[in-house]
């Protein structure tokens, strides 16, 4: 949040990662954006129903907008690839 990177986290350019994966022969099957921070903080201790509603909201956003559009508000990325 403050621009500090720890050994366990680093900002990765999604497009650069996807290009590298494809250059190595991987086929990109799906790219989804999500926010881990609310799930780790605000939603900690929430009911299973509340967490399910949050995840469904993020899934709706992923269906409506591209990963590039969502990158402005959702910082975590899940990439599903198929091995060559």
Protein backbone atom coordinates (compact mmCIF):
# COMPACT_ATOMS: atom_id res chain seq x y z
CA UNK A 1 0.00 0.00 0.00
CA UNK A 2 2.85 2.37 0.73
CA UNK A 3 5.03 1.18 -2.10
CA UNK A 4 7.22 -0.98 0.11
CA UNK A 5 7.97 -4.39 -1.25
CA UNK A 6 8.88 -7.25 1.02
CA UNK A 7 10.70 -10.42 0.05
CA UNK A 8 7.33 -12.20 -0.27
CA UNK A 9 5.56 -9.66 -2.48
CA UNK A 10 6.38 -7.74 -5.59
CA UNK A 11 4.41 -5.76 -8.12
CA UNK A 12 4.50 -7.69 -11.39
CA UNK A 13 3.37 -6.21 -14.69
CA UNK A 14 0.61 -8.53 -15.86
CA UNK A 15 1.28 -7.96 -19.56
CA UNK A 16 5.01 -8.62 -19.16
CA UNK A 17 4.30 -11.85 -17.27
CA UNK A 18 1.77 -13.02 -19.86
CA UNK A 19 4.21 -12.27 -22.69
CA UNK A 20 6.95 -14.26 -20.92
CA UNK A 21 4.63 -17.21 -20.31
CA UNK A 22 3.49 -17.27 -23.94
CA UNK A 23 7.09 -16.94 -25.17
CA UNK A 24 7.87 -20.13 -23.22
CA UNK A 25 5.00 -21.95 -24.91
CA UNK A 26 2.34 -21.65 -22.20
CA UNK A 27 -1.22 -21.01 -23.37
CA UNK A 28 -3.05 -18.40 -21.28
CA UNK A 29 -6.47 -19.83 -20.44
CA UNK A 30 -7.81 -17.19 -18.05
CA UNK A 31 -6.79 -13.98 -16.30
CA UNK A 32 -8.83 -12.79 -13.31
CA UNK A 33 -8.35 -9.89 -10.94
CA UNK A 34 -9.17 -9.90 -7.23
CA UNK A 35 -8.40 -8.08 -4.02
CA UNK A 36 -6.70 -10.08 -1.33
CA UNK A 37 -6.38 -7.19 1.13
CA UNK A 38 -10.08 -7.00 2.04
CA UNK A 39 -10.24 -10.76 2.42
CA UNK A 40 -7.18 -10.72 4.67
CA UNK A 41 -8.24 -7.70 6.71
CA UNK A 42 -11.78 -6.37 6.54
CA UNK A 43 -13.36 -9.76 5.84
CA UNK A 44 -11.31 -11.63 8.44
CA UNK A 45 -13.74 -13.34 10.75
CA UNK A 46 -16.66 -12.80 8.35
CA UNK A 47 -19.22 -15.52 7.86
CA UNK A 48 -18.86 -17.97 4.99
CA UNK A 49 -21.93 -16.35 3.44
CA UNK A 50 -20.33 -12.89 3.53
CA UNK A 51 -17.10 -14.18 1.97
CA UNK A 52 -19.10 -15.98 -0.74
CA UNK A 53 -20.95 -12.72 -1.53
CA UNK A 54 -17.62 -10.85 -1.77
CA UNK A 55 -16.16 -13.46 -4.12
CA UNK A 56 -19.30 -13.42 -6.27
CA UNK A 57 -19.07 -9.62 -6.50
CA UNK A 58 -15.47 -9.91 -7.72
CA UNK A 59 -16.51 -12.62 -10.20
CA UNK A 60 -19.21 -10.30 -11.58
CA UNK A 61 -16.62 -7.56 -12.05
CA UNK A 62 -14.34 -10.04 -13.86
CA UNK A 63 -17.17 -11.00 -16.21
CA UNK A 64 -18.06 -7.38 -16.96
CA UNK A 65 -14.60 -5.79 -17.27
CA UNK A 66 -11.23 -6.84 -18.68
CA UNK A 67 -8.28 -7.59 -16.43
CA UNK A 68 -6.60 -4.43 -17.74
CA UNK A 69 -9.57 -2.31 -16.67
CA UNK A 70 -9.77 -3.95 -13.27
CA UNK A 71 -6.04 -3.54 -12.65
CA UNK A 72 -6.75 0.04 -11.54
CA UNK A 73 -8.83 -1.13 -8.57
CA UNK A 74 -7.89 -4.80 -8.03
CA UNK A 75 -4.22 -5.52 -7.50
CA UNK A 76 -4.03 -9.29 -7.30
CA UNK A 77 -4.04 -11.40 -10.44
CA UNK A 78 -4.77 -15.06 -11.00
CA UNK A 79 -3.47 -16.47 -14.28
CA UNK A 80 -4.47 -19.93 -15.45
CA UNK A 81 -2.11 -21.35 -18.05
CA UNK A 82 -1.78 -24.62 -19.91
CA UNK A 83 1.64 -26.23 -20.08
CA UNK A 84 3.20 -26.64 -23.50
